[in-house]
Amino acid sequence: MASDAGTGPNSDGGLGEFAWLPGAKDIDVAPEKVAEAAGIIDAQAAALEEKLSEHLESLEITPPSEDTVSQHAVRAWNEVVAGDENSYAARVRAYVTGLRGLAEQLRKAGEDYTRSDQEKADSFGGGRGPS
């Protein structure tokens, strides 16, 4: 079977019909935008943590009466809301920690891209100038 010049299994790096997908060389990263995204994520984490602190106490309730059912129901409710490591409060705190970790990873990635760009420029005998 004949093939046109420039086509075939080896002409596109073996990607076949997916050769149009962008590769790492096609992605342009703006480190300042990565840092900006990290700042936005940090701000959202702080806002979520603040809301949790403001409202968590109001989610805990006291029994409306001294009967056994009310006592058990309220105890169960308070456990689910804020009682242990499986509570909603603990899950929100874990989510906040995850957001902060993501923001830190983004900052590091932005710094790595900046450093990589500077190293590439330096290897060609010129820098990008002062940052």
C-alpha atoms as a PDB file:
ATOM      1  CA  MET A   1       0.000   0.000   0.000  1.00  0.00           C
ATOM      2  CA  ALA A   2       1.489   3.353  -1.039  1.00  0.00           C
ATOM      3  CA  SER A   3       1.463   6.319   1.299  1.00  0.00           C
ATOM      4  CA  ASP A   4       1.744  10.039   0.658  1.00  0.00           C
ATOM      5  CA  ALA A   5       5.051  11.726   1.462  1.00  0.00           C
ATOM      6  CA  GLY A   6       5.109  12.959   5.041  1.00  0.00           C
ATOM      7  CA  THR A   7       2.446  10.554   6.223  1.00  0.00           C
ATOM      8  CA  GLY A   8       2.650   7.134   7.726  1.00  0.00           C
ATOM      9  CA  PRO A   9       3.210   5.571  11.089  1.00  0.00           C
ATOM     10  CA  ASN A  10       6.623   7.151  11.698  1.00  0.00           C
ATOM     11  CA  SER A  11       6.025  10.668  10.390  1.00  0.00           C
ATOM     12  CA  ASP A  12       4.089  11.803  13.460  1.00  0.00           C
ATOM     13  CA  GLY A  13       6.102  10.144  16.179  1.00  0.00           C
ATOM     14  CA  GLY A  14       3.799   7.139  16.172  1.00  0.00           C
ATOM     15  CA  LEU A  15       0.793   9.134  17.372  1.00  0.00           C
ATOM     16  CA  GLY A  16      -1.382   8.291  14.380  1.00  0.00           C
ATOM     17  CA  GLU A  17      -4.688  10.134  14.451  1.00  0.00           C
ATOM     18  CA  PHE A  18      -3.685  11.945  17.672  1.00  0.00           C
ATOM     19  CA  ALA A  19      -0.744  13.798  16.133  1.00  0.00           C
ATOM     20  CA  TRP A  20      -2.700  17.081  16.370  1.00  0.00           C
ATOM     21  CA  LEU A  21      -2.696  16.954  20.186  1.00  0.00           C
ATOM     22  CA  PRO A  22      -0.373  19.503  21.769  1.00  0.00           C
ATOM     23  CA  GLY A  23       2.854  18.207  23.224  1.00  0.00           C
ATOM     24  CA  ALA A  24       4.900  19.661  26.064  1.00  0.00           C
ATOM     25  CA  LYS A  25       6.804  21.774  23.561  1.00  0.00           C
ATOM     26  CA  ASP A  26       3.505  23.388  22.480  1.00  0.00           C
ATOM     27  CA  ILE A  27       2.531  24.616  25.942  1.00  0.00           C
ATOM     28  CA  ASP A  28       3.507  28.160  26.849  1.00  0.00           C
ATOM     29  CA  VAL A  29       3.590  28.710  30.606  1.00  0.00           C
ATOM     30  CA  ALA A  30       3.521  32.204  32.066  1.00  0.00           C
ATOM     31  CA  PRO A  31       5.084  31.838  35.534  1.00  0.00           C
ATOM     32  CA  GLU A  32       3.419  35.027  36.771  1.00  0.00           C
ATOM     33  CA  LYS A  33       0.006  33.553  35.881  1.00  0.00           C
ATOM     34  CA  VAL A  34       0.872  30.363  37.741  1.00  0.00           C
ATOM     35  CA  ALA A  35       1.775  32.442  40.820  1.00  0.00           C
ATOM     36  CA  GLU A  36      -1.456  34.419  40.394  1.00  0.00           C
ATOM     37  CA  ALA A  37      -3.472  31.184  40.332  1.00  0.00           C
ATOM     38  CA  ALA A  38      -1.666  30.037  43.495  1.00  0.00           C
ATOM     39  CA  GLY A  39      -2.629  33.293  45.196  1.00  0.00           C
ATOM     40  CA  ILE A  40      -6.273  32.863  44.222  1.00  0.00           C
ATOM     41  CA  ILE A  41      -6.307  29.307  45.573  1.00  0.00           C
ATOM     42  CA  ASP A  42      -4.675  30.464  48.826  1.00  0.00           C
ATOM     43  CA  ALA A  43      -7.268  33.215  49.195  1.00  0.00           C
ATOM     44  CA  GLN A  44     -10.103  30.741  48.677  1.00  0.00           C
ATOM     45  CA  ALA A  45      -8.566  28.354  51.228  1.00  0.00           C
ATOM     46  CA  ALA A  46      -8.345  31.185  53.765  1.00  0.00           C
ATOM     47  CA  ALA A  47     -11.940  32.239  53.084  1.00  0.00           C
ATOM     48  CA  LEU A  48     -13.178  28.675  53.506  1.00  0.00           C
ATOM     49  CA  GLU A  49     -11.235  28.253  56.731  1.00  0.00           C
ATOM     50  CA  GLU A  50     -12.637  31.537  58.041  1.00  0.00           C
ATOM     51  CA  LYS A  51     -16.208  30.492  57.205  1.00  0.00           C
ATOM     52  CA  LEU A  52     -15.681  27.193  58.971  1.00  0.00           C
ATOM     53  CA  SER A  53     -14.388  28.979  62.079  1.00  0.00           C
ATOM     54  CA  GLU A  54     -17.271  31.459  62.010  1.00  0.00           C
ATOM     55  CA  HIS A  55     -20.056  28.933  61.572  1.00  0.00           C
ATOM     56  CA  LEU A  56     -18.889  25.634  63.042  1.00  0.00           C
ATOM     57  CA  GLU A  57     -19.999  26.452  66.557  1.00  0.00           C
ATOM     58  CA  SER A  58     -23.496  27.323  65.356  1.00  0.00           C
ATOM     59  CA  LEU A  59     -23.809  23.909  63.686  1.00  0.00           C
ATOM     60  CA  GLU A  60     -23.369  22.112  66.985  1.00  0.00           C
ATOM     61  CA  ILE A  61     -26.662  21.817  68.783  1.00  0.00           C
ATOM     62  CA  THR A  62     -27.899  21.021  72.270  1.00  0.00           C
ATOM     63  CA  PRO A  63     -30.659  18.537  72.948  1.00  0.00           C
ATOM     64  CA  PRO A  64     -34.123  20.083  72.957  1.00  0.00           C
ATOM     65  CA  SER A  65     -35.045  17.865  75.916  1.00  0.00           C
ATOM     66  CA  GLU A  66     -33.565  15.337  78.304  1.00  0.00           C
ATOM     67  CA  ASP A  67     -35.146  12.251  76.712  1.00  0.00           C
ATOM     68  CA  THR A  68     -32.921   9.454  75.459  1.00  0.00           C
ATOM     69  CA  VAL A  69     -33.801   9.869  71.794  1.00  0.00           C
ATOM     70  CA  SER A  70     -32.951  13.582  71.787  1.00  0.00           C
ATOM     71  CA  GLN A  71     -29.708  12.959  73.670  1.00  0.00           C
ATOM     72  CA  HIS A  72     -28.567  10.262  71.218  1.00  0.00           C
ATOM     73  CA  ALA A  73     -29.697  12.128  68.113  1.00  0.00           C
ATOM     74  CA  VAL A  74     -27.913  15.326  69.126  1.00  0.00           C
ATOM     75  CA  ARG A  75     -24.752  13.443  70.081  1.00  0.00           C
ATOM     76  CA  ALA A  76     -24.761  11.726  66.668  1.00  0.00           C
ATOM     77  CA  TRP A  77     -25.394  15.031  64.878  1.00  0.00           C
ATOM     78  CA  ASN A  78     -22.534  16.770  66.676  1.00  0.00           C
ATOM     79  CA  GLU A  79     -20.189  13.847  65.934  1.00  0.00           C
ATOM     80  CA  VAL A  80     -21.006  13.999  62.235  1.00  0.00           C
ATOM     81  CA  VAL A  81     -20.575  17.778  62.111  1.00  0.00           C
ATOM     82  CA  ALA A  82     -17.446  18.241  64.201  1.00  0.00           C
ATOM     83  CA  GLY A  83     -16.697  15.173  66.278  1.00  0.00           C
ATOM     84  CA  ASP A  84     -13.835  13.167  64.841  1.00  0.00           C
ATOM     85  CA  GLU A  85     -11.536  12.741  61.850  1.00  0.00           C
ATOM     86  CA  ASN A  86     -14.500  11.691  59.689  1.00  0.00           C
ATOM     87  CA  SER A  87     -16.616  14.730  60.550  1.00  0.00           C
ATOM     88  CA  TYR A  88     -17.590  17.400  58.064  1.00  0.00           C
ATOM     89  CA  ALA A  89     -15.354  19.899  59.842  1.00  0.00           C
ATOM     90  CA  ALA A  90     -12.354  17.569  59.563  1.00  0.00           C
ATOM     91  CA  ARG A  91     -13.063  16.999  55.872  1.00  0.00           C
ATOM     92  CA  VAL A  92     -13.265  20.734  55.215  1.00  0.00           C
ATOM     93  CA  ARG A  93      -9.981  21.255  57.089  1.00  0.00           C
ATOM     94  CA  ALA A  94      -8.374  18.499  55.001  1.00  0.00           C
ATOM     95  CA  TYR A  95      -9.700  20.172  51.853  1.00  0.00           C
ATOM     96  CA  VAL A  96      -8.209  23.506  52.967  1.00  0.00           C
ATOM     97  CA  THR A  97      -4.881  21.761  53.584  1.00  0.00           C
ATOM     98  CA  GLY A  98      -5.102  20.251  50.099  1.00  0.00           C
ATOM     99  CA  LEU A  99      -5.813  23.656  48.556  1.00  0.00           C
ATOM    100  CA  ARG A 100      -2.803  25.141  50.330  1.00  0.00           C
ATOM    101  CA  GLY A 101      -0.654  22.258  49.114  1.00  0.00           C
ATOM    102  CA  LEU A 102      -1.862  22.824  45.562  1.00  0.00           C
ATOM    103  CA  ALA A 103      -1.060  26.527  45.813  1.00  0.00           C
ATOM    104  CA  GLU A 104       2.451  25.707  47.022  1.00  0.00           C
ATOM    105  CA  GLN A 105       2.950  23.229  44.173  1.00  0.00           C
ATOM    106  CA  LEU A 106       1.860  25.894  41.688  1.00  0.00           C
ATOM    107  CA  ARG A 107       4.274  28.421  43.184  1.00  0.00           C
ATOM    108  CA  LYS A 108       7.118  25.925  42.949  1.00  0.00           C
ATOM    109  CA  ALA A 109       6.196  25.062  39.362  1.00  0.00           C
ATOM    110  CA  GLY A 110       6.171  28.766  38.449  1.00  0.00           C
ATOM    111  CA  GLU A 111       9.590  29.206  40.050  1.00  0.00           C
ATOM    112  CA  ASP A 112      10.878  26.123  38.201  1.00  0.00           C
ATOM    113  CA  TYR A 113       9.598  27.480  34.876  1.00  0.00           C
ATOM    114  CA  THR A 114      11.220  30.847  35.567  1.00  0.00           C
ATOM    115  CA  ARG A 115      14.507  29.185  36.502  1.00  0.00           C
ATOM    116  CA  SER A 116      14.344  26.910  33.443  1.00  0.00           C
ATOM    117  CA  ASP A 117      13.658  29.863  31.132  1.00  0.00           C
ATOM    118  CA  GLN A 118      16.547  31.801  32.670  1.00  0.00           C
ATOM    119  CA  GLU A 119      18.906  28.817  32.318  1.00  0.00           C
ATOM    120  CA  LYS A 120      17.924  28.428  28.653  1.00  0.00           C
ATOM    121  CA  ALA A 121      18.510  32.130  28.007  1.00  0.00           C
ATOM    122  CA  ASP A 122      21.847  32.015  29.799  1.00  0.00           C
ATOM    123  CA  SER A 123      22.954  29.012  27.756  1.00  0.00           C
ATOM    124  CA  PHE A 124      22.541  31.119  24.623  1.00  0.00           C
ATOM    125  CA  GLY A 125      24.715  33.839  26.081  1.00  0.00           C
ATOM    126  CA  GLY A 126      22.050  36.256  27.210  1.00  0.00           C
ATOM    127  CA  GLY A 127      19.610  36.635  30.026  1.00  0.00           C
ATOM    128  CA  ARG A 128      16.151  38.040  30.183  1.00  0.00           C
ATOM    129  CA  GLY A 129      17.436  40.863  32.299  1.00  0.00           C
ATOM    130  CA  PRO A 130      16.518  41.646  35.855  1.00  0.00           C
ATOM    131  CA  SER A 131      13.191  40.290  37.035  1.00  0.00           C
END
